[in-house]
Amino acid sequence: MFRPTKDGGASVWLSAGEASLLRTLVVPVMELLGESTRPAMPVSVLDELESLLEADEPQPPQDPVLARLLPDAYPDDPEAAGEFRRYTESSLREAKKYFAQTLLDTLPQKGGRVKLTGEQARDWLRALNDVRLMFGVRLEVTEDFEEQLAALDPGDPKVAAFEVYGWLGAVQESLVQALAR
């Protein structure tokens, strides 16, 4: 999988199918992150500041994947969690979309060599983590992933999804190891 590069980055060769699969998995995360419970911000900076100060406390996302991607900072204190969310959620969403876009921008359309700078590799790690979180929530993956997979009937369509989840983990782990060298 990934190999370290001399400049502190990482490189990997991906087949056309692997590149297509990654692209297919990253796009839904970006789409989910594009959704917002807040209305569009006003144009002027003063209007924006006033809007932030007067806005109701943002609520945690109802979608379980978004709730995992954008967790409450203070789960036992809804008021503090809402206050924190008000000032951080939009920038967190934008950062996560940026990481996903970096992955898409550096991913060859038809597969091939991917050479990442150290910064791009860290963005890939963050994007891969978000994809795995999305997949894990949708599949209801537990710490007993291997047992869950083994318990599935070989004809169950979930088997392929669990295998993709495992592959994403292997890609992420190989990238971590390449960056650690």
C-alpha atoms as a PDB file:
ATOM      1  CA  MET A   1       0.000   0.000   0.000  1.00  0.00           C
ATOM      2  CA  PHE A   2       1.379   3.459   0.946  1.00  0.00           C
ATOM      3  CA  ARG A   3       5.113   4.036   1.030  1.00  0.00           C
ATOM      4  CA  PRO A   4       6.899   6.990   2.595  1.00  0.00           C
ATOM      5  CA  THR A   5       8.471   9.571   0.300  1.00  0.00           C
ATOM      6  CA  LYS A   6      11.743  11.404   0.944  1.00  0.00           C
ATOM      7  CA  ASP A   7       9.924  14.708   1.421  1.00  0.00           C
ATOM      8  CA  GLY A   8       7.805  13.437   4.335  1.00  0.00           C
ATOM      9  CA  GLY A   9       4.776  12.517   2.259  1.00  0.00           C
ATOM     10  CA  ALA A  10       3.498   9.194   0.991  1.00  0.00           C
ATOM     11  CA  SER A  11       2.772   7.488  -2.291  1.00  0.00           C
ATOM     12  CA  VAL A  12       0.642   4.590  -3.415  1.00  0.00           C
ATOM     13  CA  TRP A  13      -0.482   2.986  -6.638  1.00  0.00           C
ATOM     14  CA  LEU A  14      -4.264   2.548  -6.858  1.00  0.00           C
ATOM     15  CA  SER A  15      -6.138   0.513  -9.404  1.00  0.00           C
ATOM     16  CA  ALA A  16      -8.956   2.150 -11.354  1.00  0.00           C
ATOM     17  CA  GLY A  17     -11.444   0.274  -9.180  1.00  0.00           C
ATOM     18  CA  GLU A  18      -9.823   1.425  -5.927  1.00  0.00           C
ATOM     19  CA  ALA A  19      -9.747   5.042  -7.113  1.00  0.00           C
ATOM     20  CA  SER A  20     -13.363   4.842  -8.203  1.00  0.00           C
ATOM     21  CA  LEU A  21     -14.394   3.261  -4.900  1.00  0.00           C
ATOM     22  CA  LEU A  22     -12.656   5.977  -2.873  1.00  0.00           C
ATOM     23  CA  ARG A  23     -14.298   8.683  -4.971  1.00  0.00           C
ATOM     24  CA  THR A  24     -17.697   7.026  -4.585  1.00  0.00           C
ATOM     25  CA  LEU A  25     -17.284   6.849  -0.802  1.00  0.00           C
ATOM     26  CA  VAL A  26     -15.964  10.381  -0.231  1.00  0.00           C
ATOM     27  CA  VAL A  27     -18.694  12.205  -2.146  1.00  0.00           C
ATOM     28  CA  PRO A  28     -21.554  11.237   0.228  1.00  0.00           C
ATOM     29  CA  VAL A  29     -19.550  12.520   3.187  1.00  0.00           C
ATOM     30  CA  MET A  30     -19.094  15.854   1.435  1.00  0.00           C
ATOM     31  CA  GLU A  31     -22.801  15.961   0.614  1.00  0.00           C
ATOM     32  CA  LEU A  32     -23.735  15.242   4.241  1.00  0.00           C
ATOM     33  CA  LEU A  33     -21.367  17.936   5.469  1.00  0.00           C
ATOM     34  CA  GLY A  34     -22.852  20.391   2.996  1.00  0.00           C
ATOM     35  CA  GLU A  35     -26.187  20.171   4.754  1.00  0.00           C
ATOM     36  CA  SER A  36     -26.633  22.726   7.470  1.00  0.00           C
ATOM     37  CA  THR A  37     -29.370  23.378   9.978  1.00  0.00           C
ATOM     38  CA  ARG A  38     -28.501  27.090   9.905  1.00  0.00           C
ATOM     39  CA  PRO A  39     -29.808  29.568   7.370  1.00  0.00           C
ATOM     40  CA  ALA A  40     -27.345  31.126   4.948  1.00  0.00           C
ATOM     41  CA  MET A  41     -25.264  33.853   6.575  1.00  0.00           C
ATOM     42  CA  PRO A  42     -25.923  37.516   5.784  1.00  0.00           C
ATOM     43  CA  VAL A  43     -23.558  39.303   3.422  1.00  0.00           C
ATOM     44  CA  SER A  44     -22.024  41.964   5.663  1.00  0.00           C
ATOM     45  CA  VAL A  45     -19.587  41.066   8.423  1.00  0.00           C
ATOM     46  CA  LEU A  46     -21.563  43.110  10.973  1.00  0.00           C
ATOM     47  CA  ASP A  47     -24.798  41.358   9.988  1.00  0.00           C
ATOM     48  CA  GLU A  48     -23.009  38.022  10.280  1.00  0.00           C
ATOM     49  CA  LEU A  49     -21.702  38.834  13.752  1.00  0.00           C
ATOM     50  CA  GLU A  50     -25.121  40.040  14.888  1.00  0.00           C
ATOM     51  CA  SER A  51     -26.725  36.920  13.453  1.00  0.00           C
ATOM     52  CA  LEU A  52     -24.275  34.696  15.351  1.00  0.00           C
ATOM     53  CA  LEU A  53     -24.901  36.495  18.612  1.00  0.00           C
ATOM     54  CA  GLU A  54     -28.692  36.370  18.262  1.00  0.00           C
ATOM     55  CA  ALA A  55     -28.981  32.867  16.821  1.00  0.00           C
ATOM     56  CA  ASP A  56     -30.672  30.120  18.752  1.00  0.00           C
ATOM     57  CA  GLU A  57     -28.393  27.416  20.052  1.00  0.00           C
ATOM     58  CA  PRO A  58     -27.664  25.033  17.170  1.00  0.00           C
ATOM     59  CA  GLN A  59     -28.987  21.564  17.724  1.00  0.00           C
ATOM     60  CA  PRO A  60     -26.966  18.386  17.300  1.00  0.00           C
ATOM     61  CA  PRO A  61     -27.529  16.797  13.887  1.00  0.00           C
ATOM     62  CA  GLN A  62     -30.367  14.296  13.672  1.00  0.00           C
ATOM     63  CA  ASP A  63     -28.561  12.101  11.136  1.00  0.00           C
ATOM     64  CA  PRO A  64     -26.482   9.569  13.132  1.00  0.00           C
ATOM     65  CA  VAL A  65     -23.543   9.911  10.731  1.00  0.00           C
ATOM     66  CA  LEU A  66     -23.475  13.698  11.091  1.00  0.00           C
ATOM     67  CA  ALA A  67     -23.824  13.302  14.849  1.00  0.00           C
ATOM     68  CA  ARG A  68     -20.675  11.158  14.743  1.00  0.00           C
ATOM     69  CA  LEU A  69     -18.816  13.504  12.377  1.00  0.00           C
ATOM     70  CA  LEU A  70     -19.872  16.601  14.343  1.00  0.00           C
ATOM     71  CA  PRO A  71     -20.151  15.369  17.938  1.00  0.00           C
ATOM     72  CA  ASP A  72     -21.164  17.452  20.920  1.00  0.00           C
ATOM     73  CA  ALA A  73     -18.168  18.865  22.774  1.00  0.00           C
ATOM     74  CA  TYR A  74     -20.071  18.734  26.066  1.00  0.00           C
ATOM     75  CA  PRO A  75     -22.505  15.793  25.942  1.00  0.00           C
ATOM     76  CA  ASP A  76     -23.603  16.295  29.553  1.00  0.00           C
ATOM     77  CA  ASP A  77     -24.239  20.033  29.176  1.00  0.00           C
ATOM     78  CA  PRO A  78     -26.629  20.856  26.306  1.00  0.00           C
ATOM     79  CA  GLU A  79     -26.256  24.616  26.800  1.00  0.00           C
ATOM     80  CA  ALA A  80     -22.445  24.536  26.647  1.00  0.00           C
ATOM     81  CA  ALA A  81     -22.609  22.069  23.744  1.00  0.00           C
ATOM     82  CA  GLY A  82     -24.926  24.395  21.814  1.00  0.00           C
ATOM     83  CA  GLU A  83     -22.709  27.388  22.523  1.00  0.00           C
ATOM     84  CA  PHE A  84     -19.622  25.499  21.364  1.00  0.00           C
ATOM     85  CA  ARG A  85     -21.449  24.202  18.275  1.00  0.00           C
ATOM     86  CA  ARG A  86     -22.576  27.727  17.377  1.00  0.00           C
ATOM     87  CA  TYR A  87     -18.993  28.955  17.092  1.00  0.00           C
ATOM     88  CA  THR A  88     -17.290  25.853  15.691  1.00  0.00           C
ATOM     89  CA  GLU A  89     -19.657  23.741  13.595  1.00  0.00           C
ATOM     90  CA  SER A  90     -19.445  25.697  10.358  1.00  0.00           C
ATOM     91  CA  SER A  91     -15.635  25.785  10.417  1.00  0.00           C
ATOM     92  CA  LEU A  92     -15.495  22.080  11.290  1.00  0.00           C
ATOM     93  CA  ARG A  93     -17.803  21.282   8.379  1.00  0.00           C
ATOM     94  CA  GLU A  94     -15.661  23.376   6.036  1.00  0.00           C
ATOM     95  CA  ALA A  95     -12.445  21.741   7.248  1.00  0.00           C
ATOM     96  CA  LYS A  96     -13.875  18.251   6.741  1.00  0.00           C
ATOM     97  CA  LYS A  97     -15.076  19.183   3.245  1.00  0.00           C
ATOM     98  CA  TYR A  98     -11.610  20.583   2.498  1.00  0.00           C
ATOM     99  CA  PHE A  99      -9.945  17.304   3.551  1.00  0.00           C
ATOM    100  CA  ALA A 100     -12.356  15.315   1.382  1.00  0.00           C
ATOM    101  CA  GLN A 101     -11.761  17.666  -1.549  1.00  0.00           C
ATOM    102  CA  THR A 102      -7.991  17.236  -1.164  1.00  0.00           C
ATOM    103  CA  LEU A 103      -8.481  13.484  -1.442  1.00  0.00           C
ATOM    104  CA  LEU A 104     -10.618  13.913  -4.554  1.00  0.00           C
ATOM    105  CA  ASP A 105      -8.210  16.422  -6.130  1.00  0.00           C
ATOM    106  CA  THR A 106      -5.193  14.140  -5.684  1.00  0.00           C
ATOM    107  CA  LEU A 107      -6.956  10.936  -6.733  1.00  0.00           C
ATOM    108  CA  PRO A 108      -6.297   9.985 -10.368  1.00  0.00           C
ATOM    109  CA  GLN A 109      -9.535   9.465 -12.321  1.00  0.00           C
ATOM    110  CA  LYS A 110      -8.428   6.127 -13.751  1.00  0.00           C
ATOM    111  CA  GLY A 111      -6.171   4.986 -10.941  1.00  0.00           C
ATOM    112  CA  GLY A 112      -2.407   5.091 -10.957  1.00  0.00           C
ATOM    113  CA  ARG A 113       0.291   6.661  -8.800  1.00  0.00           C
ATOM    114  CA  VAL A 114      -0.806   8.981  -6.003  1.00  0.00           C
ATOM    115  CA  LYS A 115       2.039  11.058  -4.568  1.00  0.00           C
ATOM    116  CA  LEU A 116       1.067  13.123  -1.544  1.00  0.00           C
ATOM    117  CA  THR A 117       2.911  15.821   0.356  1.00  0.00           C
ATOM    118  CA  GLY A 118       2.907  15.428   4.122  1.00  0.00           C
ATOM    119  CA  GLU A 119       0.023  17.893   4.410  1.00  0.00           C
ATOM    120  CA  GLN A 120      -2.004  16.162   1.704  1.00  0.00           C
ATOM    121  CA  ALA A 121      -1.376  12.795   3.368  1.00  0.00           C
ATOM    122  CA  ARG A 122      -2.705  14.131   6.679  1.00  0.00           C
ATOM    123  CA  ASP A 123      -5.757  15.474   4.833  1.00  0.00           C
ATOM    124  CA  TRP A 124      -6.250  12.022   3.335  1.00  0.00           C
ATOM    125  CA  LEU A 125      -6.098  10.489   6.817  1.00  0.00           C
ATOM    126  CA  ARG A 126      -8.791  12.853   8.030  1.00  0.00           C
ATOM    127  CA  ALA A 127     -10.986  12.218   4.986  1.00  0.00           C
ATOM    128  CA  LEU A 128     -10.535   8.437   5.241  1.00  0.00           C
ATOM    129  CA  ASN A 129     -11.434   8.615   8.918  1.00  0.00           C
ATOM    130  CA  ASP A 130     -14.662  10.460   8.099  1.00  0.00           C
ATOM    131  CA  VAL A 131     -15.553   7.899   5.419  1.00  0.00           C
ATOM    132  CA  ARG A 132     -14.906   5.064   7.866  1.00  0.00           C
ATOM    133  CA  LEU A 133     -17.029   6.798  10.508  1.00  0.00           C
ATOM    134  CA  MET A 134     -19.870   7.132   7.996  1.00  0.00           C
ATOM    135  CA  PHE A 135     -19.564   3.498   6.976  1.00  0.00           C
ATOM    136  CA  GLY A 136     -19.237   2.300  10.559  1.00  0.00           C
ATOM    137  CA  VAL A 137     -22.363   4.129  11.683  1.00  0.00           C
ATOM    138  CA  ARG A 138     -24.420   2.928   8.710  1.00  0.00           C
ATOM    139  CA  LEU A 139     -23.241  -0.678   9.197  1.00  0.00           C
ATOM    140  CA  GLU A 140     -23.539  -0.448  12.994  1.00  0.00           C
ATOM    141  CA  VAL A 141     -19.967  -1.695  13.330  1.00  0.00           C
ATOM    142  CA  THR A 142     -18.883  -2.520  16.860  1.00  0.00           C
ATOM    143  CA  GLU A 143     -15.500  -3.278  18.398  1.00  0.00           C
ATOM    144  CA  ASP A 144     -16.167  -6.893  17.423  1.00  0.00           C
ATOM    145  CA  PHE A 145     -15.891  -6.118  13.703  1.00  0.00           C
ATOM    146  CA  GLU A 146     -14.313  -9.482  12.815  1.00  0.00           C
ATOM    147  CA  GLU A 147     -17.016 -11.369  14.706  1.00  0.00           C
ATOM    148  CA  GLN A 148     -19.749  -9.298  13.055  1.00  0.00           C
ATOM    149  CA  LEU A 149     -18.318 -10.112   9.630  1.00  0.00           C
ATOM    150  CA  ALA A 150     -17.932 -13.810  10.451  1.00  0.00           C
ATOM    151  CA  ALA A 151     -21.541 -13.977  11.686  1.00  0.00           C
ATOM    152  CA  LEU A 152     -22.938 -12.765   8.352  1.00  0.00           C
ATOM    153  CA  ASP A 153     -24.230 -15.247   5.840  1.00  0.00           C
ATOM    154  CA  PRO A 154     -21.819 -15.307   2.856  1.00  0.00           C
ATOM    155  CA  GLY A 155     -24.706 -14.292   0.580  1.00  0.00           C
ATOM    156  CA  ASP A 156     -25.643 -11.276   2.686  1.00  0.00           C
ATOM    157  CA  PRO A 157     -25.057  -8.017   0.769  1.00  0.00           C
ATOM    158  CA  LYS A 158     -23.596  -6.514   3.943  1.00  0.00           C
ATOM    159  CA  VAL A 159     -20.536  -8.766   3.534  1.00  0.00           C
ATOM    160  CA  ALA A 160     -19.210  -6.611   0.702  1.00  0.00           C
ATOM    161  CA  ALA A 161     -19.816  -3.437   2.722  1.00  0.00           C
ATOM    162  CA  PHE A 162     -17.963  -4.898   5.712  1.00  0.00           C
ATOM    163  CA  GLU A 163     -15.082  -5.877   3.432  1.00  0.00           C
ATOM    164  CA  VAL A 164     -14.918  -2.328   2.052  1.00  0.00           C
ATOM    165  CA  TYR A 165     -14.902  -1.019   5.631  1.00  0.00           C
ATOM    166  CA  GLY A 166     -11.995  -3.353   6.415  1.00  0.00           C
ATOM    167  CA  TRP A 167     -10.158  -2.257   3.249  1.00  0.00           C
ATOM    168  CA  LEU A 168     -10.574   1.406   4.216  1.00  0.00           C
ATOM    169  CA  GLY A 169      -9.019   0.592   7.580  1.00  0.00           C
ATOM    170  CA  ALA A 170      -6.079  -1.090   5.879  1.00  0.00           C
ATOM    171  CA  VAL A 171      -5.567   1.915   3.571  1.00  0.00           C
ATOM    172  CA  GLN A 172      -5.709   4.273   6.529  1.00  0.00           C
ATOM    173  CA  GLU A 173      -3.316   2.144   8.574  1.00  0.00           C
ATOM    174  CA  SER A 174      -0.803   1.896   5.726  1.00  0.00           C
ATOM    175  CA  LEU A 175      -0.877   5.682   5.338  1.00  0.00           C
ATOM    176  CA  VAL A 176      -0.292   6.162   9.077  1.00  0.00           C
ATOM    177  CA  GLN A 177       2.657   3.760   8.932  1.00  0.00           C
ATOM    178  CA  ALA A 178       4.130   5.504   5.865  1.00  0.00           C
ATOM    179  CA  LEU A 179       3.954   8.871   7.610  1.00  0.00           C
ATOM    180  CA  ALA A 180       5.463   7.455  10.809  1.00  0.00           C
ATOM    181  CA  ARG A 181       8.614   6.251   8.997  1.00  0.00           C
END
